[in-house]
Amino acid sequence: MFFANSTSDAICVPARKLVEMEVDGDGESLDLRFDARVGSTSTPFANVRNEVEADLVITDNKGKEVIKSLANEIRKGKEPFIVVADDNVGTYAHVNITALATSTLDTIG
């Protein structure tokens, strides 16, 4: 799943790492959270976990439609590379995604 809000700020995360999609209280943004573990149980990085979050700006109160569309694309889509939000070229996975507000990578462990 690809997210970019500039040519120097982009991230691609495997869809299988998606653990949560949550609409904010105002219905204007959708947060996608990923859990990306580093290493295996036998490596020095066994306890390192990266949390990736992408905050999408969406059309008011259209979160359910966007979530359903993304879930269907992950489950049934034919493309191995899913562009969720690319502000550089104005490409979005759903008509009600209007921008990528932020994307963050936090390392815990």
N, C-alpha and C. Protein backbone atom coordinates (compact mmCIF):
# COMPACT_ATOMS: atom_id res chain seq x y z
N MET A 1 0.86 -1.16 0.00
CA MET A 1 0.00 0.00 0.00
C MET A 1 0.91 1.23 0.00
N PHE A 2 0.75 2.07 -1.01
CA PHE A 2 1.64 3.20 -1.24
C PHE A 2 0.98 4.51 -0.83
N PHE A 3 1.75 5.34 -0.12
CA PHE A 3 1.31 6.66 0.33
C PHE A 3 2.42 7.66 0.05
N ALA A 4 2.09 8.82 -0.50
CA ALA A 4 3.09 9.86 -0.74
C ALA A 4 2.44 11.23 -0.64
N ASN A 5 3.09 12.15 0.07
CA ASN A 5 2.61 13.53 0.05
C ASN A 5 3.66 14.49 -0.50
N SER A 6 4.79 13.94 -0.93
CA SER A 6 5.78 14.71 -1.69
C SER A 6 6.75 13.69 -2.29
N THR A 7 7.62 14.16 -3.15
CA THR A 7 8.57 13.23 -3.77
C THR A 7 9.61 12.72 -2.77
N SER A 8 9.78 13.44 -1.67
CA SER A 8 10.74 13.01 -0.66
C SER A 8 10.08 12.44 0.60
N ASP A 9 8.76 12.29 0.58
CA ASP A 9 8.03 11.75 1.73
C ASP A 9 7.01 10.73 1.23
N ALA A 10 7.44 9.47 1.16
CA ALA A 10 6.58 8.40 0.68
C ALA A 10 6.91 7.11 1.43
N ILE A 11 5.92 6.23 1.48
CA ILE A 11 6.13 4.94 2.14
C ILE A 11 5.25 3.90 1.46
N CYS A 12 5.76 2.68 1.43
CA CYS A 12 5.00 1.56 0.88
C CYS A 12 5.04 0.44 1.93
N VAL A 13 3.87 -0.05 2.31
CA VAL A 13 3.75 -1.06 3.36
C VAL A 13 2.93 -2.22 2.83
N PRO A 14 3.34 -3.47 3.10
CA PRO A 14 2.54 -4.61 2.64
C PRO A 14 1.13 -4.57 3.25
N ALA A 15 0.14 -4.85 2.44
CA ALA A 15 -1.25 -4.82 2.90
C ALA A 15 -1.48 -5.80 4.05
N ARG A 16 -0.75 -6.89 4.07
CA ARG A 16 -0.93 -7.88 5.15
C ARG A 16 -0.56 -7.32 6.53
N LYS A 17 0.14 -6.19 6.56
CA LYS A 17 0.53 -5.56 7.83
C LYS A 17 -0.53 -4.59 8.36
N LEU A 18 -1.59 -4.35 7.59
CA LEU A 18 -2.66 -3.45 8.03
C LEU A 18 -3.41 -4.09 9.20
N VAL A 19 -3.50 -3.36 10.32
CA VAL A 19 -4.18 -3.89 11.50
C VAL A 19 -5.42 -3.09 11.88
N GLU A 20 -5.57 -1.88 11.35
CA GLU A 20 -6.72 -1.07 11.77
C GLU A 20 -7.00 0.05 10.77
N MET A 21 -8.28 0.29 10.55
CA MET A 21 -8.74 1.47 9.81
C MET A 21 -9.77 2.14 10.70
N GLU A 22 -9.56 3.43 11.00
CA GLU A 22 -10.43 4.13 11.93
C GLU A 22 -10.77 5.52 11.40
N VAL A 23 -12.06 5.83 11.39
CA VAL A 23 -12.54 7.16 11.02
C VAL A 23 -12.51 8.03 12.27
N ASP A 24 -12.03 9.27 12.13
CA ASP A 24 -11.98 10.16 13.29
C ASP A 24 -13.40 10.61 13.68
N GLY A 25 -13.50 11.26 14.82
CA GLY A 25 -14.78 11.69 15.36
C GLY A 25 -15.54 12.68 14.49
N ASP A 26 -14.83 13.46 13.68
CA ASP A 26 -15.47 14.44 12.81
C ASP A 26 -15.89 13.84 11.47
N GLY A 27 -15.44 12.63 11.19
CA GLY A 27 -15.76 11.98 9.92
C GLY A 27 -15.01 12.56 8.74
N GLU A 28 -13.91 13.29 9.00
CA GLU A 28 -13.15 13.96 7.94
C GLU A 28 -11.81 13.30 7.64
N SER A 29 -11.42 12.32 8.44
CA SER A 29 -10.15 11.65 8.17
C SER A 29 -10.25 10.17 8.53
N LEU A 30 -9.39 9.40 7.86
CA LEU A 30 -9.34 7.96 8.06
C LEU A 30 -7.90 7.60 8.38
N ASP A 31 -7.69 6.96 9.51
CA ASP A 31 -6.35 6.55 9.94
C ASP A 31 -6.15 5.07 9.62
N LEU A 32 -5.08 4.76 8.93
CA LEU A 32 -4.69 3.38 8.65
C LEU A 32 -3.45 3.08 9.47
N ARG A 33 -3.50 2.01 10.24
CA ARG A 33 -2.37 1.65 11.09
C ARG A 33 -1.83 0.27 10.68
N PHE A 34 -0.51 0.19 10.63
CA PHE A 34 0.17 -1.02 10.23
C PHE A 34 1.13 -1.44 11.33
N ASP A 35 1.31 -2.73 11.50
CA ASP A 35 2.28 -3.28 12.44
C ASP A 35 3.33 -4.02 11.62
N ALA A 36 4.52 -3.49 11.59
CA ALA A 36 5.59 -4.07 10.77
C ALA A 36 6.72 -4.53 11.69
N ARG A 37 6.74 -5.80 11.99
CA ARG A 37 7.80 -6.35 12.83
C ARG A 37 9.08 -6.48 12.02
N VAL A 38 10.20 -6.27 12.69
CA VAL A 38 11.51 -6.38 12.05
C VAL A 38 12.20 -7.62 12.58
N GLY A 39 12.71 -8.45 11.69
CA GLY A 39 13.45 -9.63 12.11
C GLY A 39 12.55 -10.77 12.56
N SER A 40 13.18 -11.87 12.96
CA SER A 40 12.46 -13.03 13.47
C SER A 40 12.84 -13.23 14.93
N THR A 41 12.27 -14.24 15.54
CA THR A 41 12.54 -14.45 16.97
C THR A 41 13.99 -14.77 17.27
N SER A 42 14.76 -15.16 16.27
CA SER A 42 16.16 -15.52 16.51
C SER A 42 17.15 -14.41 16.14
N THR A 43 16.65 -13.23 15.80
CA THR A 43 17.55 -12.14 15.42
C THR A 43 17.64 -11.11 16.53
N PRO A 44 18.66 -10.25 16.48
CA PRO A 44 18.77 -9.19 17.48
C PRO A 44 17.61 -8.20 17.44
N PHE A 45 16.86 -8.19 16.33
CA PHE A 45 15.77 -7.24 16.19
C PHE A 45 14.41 -7.85 16.53
N ALA A 46 14.41 -8.97 17.24
CA ALA A 46 13.17 -9.69 17.51
C ALA A 46 12.14 -8.84 18.24
N ASN A 47 12.58 -7.93 19.09
CA ASN A 47 11.64 -7.13 19.88
C ASN A 47 11.40 -5.74 19.31
N VAL A 48 11.90 -5.49 18.12
CA VAL A 48 11.72 -4.19 17.49
C VAL A 48 10.45 -4.22 16.66
N ARG A 49 9.60 -3.24 16.87
CA ARG A 49 8.35 -3.18 16.12
C ARG A 49 8.22 -1.78 15.54
N ASN A 50 7.89 -1.72 14.29
CA ASN A 50 7.62 -0.44 13.64
C ASN A 50 6.12 -0.26 13.54
N GLU A 51 5.64 0.89 13.95
CA GLU A 51 4.24 1.22 13.76
C GLU A 51 4.17 2.28 12.68
N VAL A 52 3.44 1.99 11.65
CA VAL A 52 3.27 2.91 10.54
C VAL A 52 1.83 3.37 10.55
N GLU A 53 1.64 4.67 10.41
CA GLU A 53 0.29 5.22 10.37
C GLU A 53 0.17 6.18 9.21
N ALA A 54 -0.91 6.06 8.47
CA ALA A 54 -1.21 6.98 7.38
C ALA A 54 -2.57 7.60 7.66
N ASP A 55 -2.62 8.92 7.68
CA ASP A 55 -3.86 9.64 7.93
C ASP A 55 -4.34 10.24 6.62
N LEU A 56 -5.50 9.77 6.18
CA LEU A 56 -6.08 10.23 4.93
C LEU A 56 -7.15 11.28 5.19
N VAL A 57 -7.18 12.31 4.36
CA VAL A 57 -8.28 13.27 4.39
C VAL A 57 -9.35 12.70 3.47
N ILE A 58 -10.58 12.63 3.99
CA ILE A 58 -11.68 12.05 3.22
C ILE A 58 -12.86 13.02 3.18
N THR A 59 -13.75 12.79 2.23
CA THR A 59 -15.00 13.55 2.16
C THR A 59 -15.79 13.28 3.44
N ASP A 60 -16.41 14.33 3.98
CA ASP A 60 -17.16 14.20 5.24
C ASP A 60 -18.09 13.00 5.23
N ASN A 61 -17.98 12.20 6.29
CA ASN A 61 -18.88 11.07 6.54
C ASN A 61 -18.89 10.01 5.44
N LYS A 62 -17.77 9.84 4.76
CA LYS A 62 -17.66 8.81 3.72
C LYS A 62 -16.66 7.71 4.13
N GLY A 63 -16.33 7.66 5.41
CA GLY A 63 -15.36 6.68 5.89
C GLY A 63 -15.74 5.25 5.62
N LYS A 64 -17.00 4.90 5.83
CA LYS A 64 -17.44 3.52 5.61
C LYS A 64 -17.23 3.11 4.16
N GLU A 65 -17.56 3.99 3.22
CA GLU A 65 -17.38 3.68 1.82
C GLU A 65 -15.91 3.49 1.46
N VAL A 66 -15.05 4.35 2.01
CA VAL A 66 -13.62 4.26 1.74
C VAL A 66 -13.04 2.97 2.33
N ILE A 67 -13.42 2.66 3.56
CA ILE A 67 -12.94 1.44 4.22
C ILE A 67 -13.36 0.21 3.41
N LYS A 68 -14.62 0.17 3.01
CA LYS A 68 -15.12 -0.96 2.24
C LYS A 68 -14.37 -1.11 0.91
N SER A 69 -14.11 0.01 0.25
CA SER A 69 -13.39 -0.02 -1.02
C SER A 69 -11.95 -0.51 -0.84
N LEU A 70 -11.26 -0.01 0.18
CA LEU A 70 -9.89 -0.45 0.43
C LEU A 70 -9.84 -1.93 0.79
N ALA A 71 -10.78 -2.39 1.61
CA ALA A 71 -10.84 -3.80 1.99
C ALA A 71 -11.06 -4.68 0.77
N ASN A 72 -11.95 -4.25 -0.11
CA ASN A 72 -12.20 -5.01 -1.33
C ASN A 72 -10.98 -5.05 -2.26
N GLU A 73 -10.28 -3.93 -2.34
CA GLU A 73 -9.08 -3.88 -3.18
C GLU A 73 -8.00 -4.81 -2.64
N ILE A 74 -7.85 -4.84 -1.32
CA ILE A 74 -6.86 -5.73 -0.70
C ILE A 74 -7.25 -7.19 -0.94
N ARG A 75 -8.51 -7.49 -0.78
CA ARG A 75 -8.98 -8.87 -0.85
C ARG A 75 -9.12 -9.38 -2.28
N LYS A 76 -9.65 -8.54 -3.17
CA LYS A 76 -9.99 -9.02 -4.51
C LYS A 76 -9.23 -8.34 -5.65
N GLY A 77 -8.47 -7.29 -5.33
CA GLY A 77 -7.81 -6.52 -6.37
C GLY A 77 -6.82 -7.32 -7.20
N LYS A 78 -6.66 -6.92 -8.43
CA LYS A 78 -5.76 -7.61 -9.36
C LYS A 78 -4.37 -6.99 -9.39
N GLU A 79 -4.23 -5.78 -8.87
CA GLU A 79 -2.94 -5.09 -8.89
C GLU A 79 -2.14 -5.40 -7.63
N PRO A 80 -0.87 -5.80 -7.76
CA PRO A 80 -0.06 -6.09 -6.58
C PRO A 80 0.41 -4.82 -5.85
N PHE A 81 0.34 -3.69 -6.52
CA PHE A 81 0.79 -2.40 -5.97
C PHE A 81 -0.43 -1.49 -5.85
N ILE A 82 -0.87 -1.21 -4.64
CA ILE A 82 -2.06 -0.41 -4.40
C ILE A 82 -1.65 1.01 -4.04
N VAL A 83 -1.96 1.96 -4.89
CA VAL A 83 -1.72 3.37 -4.58
C VAL A 83 -2.94 3.85 -3.80
N VAL A 84 -2.75 4.07 -2.50
CA VAL A 84 -3.85 4.55 -1.66
C VAL A 84 -3.97 6.06 -1.78
N ALA A 85 -2.84 6.75 -1.67
CA ALA A 85 -2.86 8.21 -1.77
C ALA A 85 -1.50 8.70 -2.27
N ASP A 86 -1.51 9.36 -3.42
CA ASP A 86 -0.29 9.95 -3.97
C ASP A 86 -0.60 11.41 -4.31
N ASP A 87 -0.27 12.29 -3.37
CA ASP A 87 -0.53 13.72 -3.55
C ASP A 87 0.31 14.33 -4.68
N ASN A 88 1.42 13.68 -5.04
CA ASN A 88 2.28 14.20 -6.11
C ASN A 88 1.54 14.29 -7.43
N VAL A 89 0.76 13.27 -7.71
CA VAL A 89 0.07 13.22 -9.01
C VAL A 89 -1.46 13.24 -8.87
N GLY A 90 -1.96 13.34 -7.64
CA GLY A 90 -3.40 13.40 -7.42
C GLY A 90 -4.11 12.08 -7.66
N THR A 91 -3.45 10.96 -7.35
CA THR A 91 -4.04 9.64 -7.52
C THR A 91 -4.45 9.09 -6.17
N TYR A 92 -5.71 8.62 -6.07
CA TYR A 92 -6.24 8.09 -4.82
C TYR A 92 -7.03 6.82 -5.11
N ALA A 93 -7.02 5.90 -4.17
CA ALA A 93 -7.68 4.62 -4.34
C ALA A 93 -9.20 4.72 -4.37
N HIS A 94 -9.74 5.81 -3.90
CA HIS A 94 -11.19 6.00 -3.87
C HIS A 94 -11.49 7.47 -4.10
N VAL A 95 -12.61 7.74 -4.74
CA VAL A 95 -12.99 9.11 -5.07
C VAL A 95 -13.16 9.99 -3.83
N ASN A 96 -13.46 9.40 -2.67
CA ASN A 96 -13.66 10.18 -1.45
C ASN A 96 -12.40 10.35 -0.61
N ILE A 97 -11.25 9.89 -1.10
CA ILE A 97 -9.97 10.23 -0.49
C ILE A 97 -9.50 11.48 -1.22
N THR A 98 -9.25 12.55 -0.46
CA THR A 98 -8.89 13.82 -1.09
C THR A 98 -7.43 14.20 -0.90
N ALA A 99 -6.76 13.59 0.09
CA ALA A 99 -5.35 13.92 0.34
C ALA A 99 -4.78 12.98 1.38
N LEU A 100 -3.47 12.95 1.45
CA LEU A 100 -2.75 12.28 2.54
C LEU A 100 -2.34 13.36 3.51
N ALA A 101 -2.90 13.32 4.71
CA ALA A 101 -2.56 14.34 5.71
C ALA A 101 -1.14 14.12 6.22
N THR A 102 -0.87 12.91 6.71
CA THR A 102 0.46 12.58 7.23
C THR A 102 0.71 11.09 7.09
N SER A 103 1.98 10.74 7.13
CA SER A 103 2.36 9.33 7.30
C SER A 103 3.53 9.33 8.27
N THR A 104 3.51 8.39 9.19
CA THR A 104 4.55 8.34 10.22
C THR A 104 5.06 6.93 10.39
N LEU A 105 6.31 6.84 10.82
CA LEU A 105 6.95 5.57 11.15
C LEU A 105 7.57 5.73 12.52
N ASP A 106 7.09 4.93 13.47
CA ASP A 106 7.62 4.96 14.83
C ASP A 106 8.20 3.60 15.16
N THR A 107 9.42 3.57 15.69
CA THR A 107 10.05 2.32 16.09
C THR A 107 9.90 2.17 17.60
N ILE A 108 9.41 1.00 18.00
CA ILE A 108 9.18 0.71 19.41
C ILE A 108 9.93 -0.56 19.75
N GLY A 109 10.62 -0.56 20.86
CA GLY A 109 11.29 -1.80 21.25
C GLY A 109 12.67 -1.59 21.76
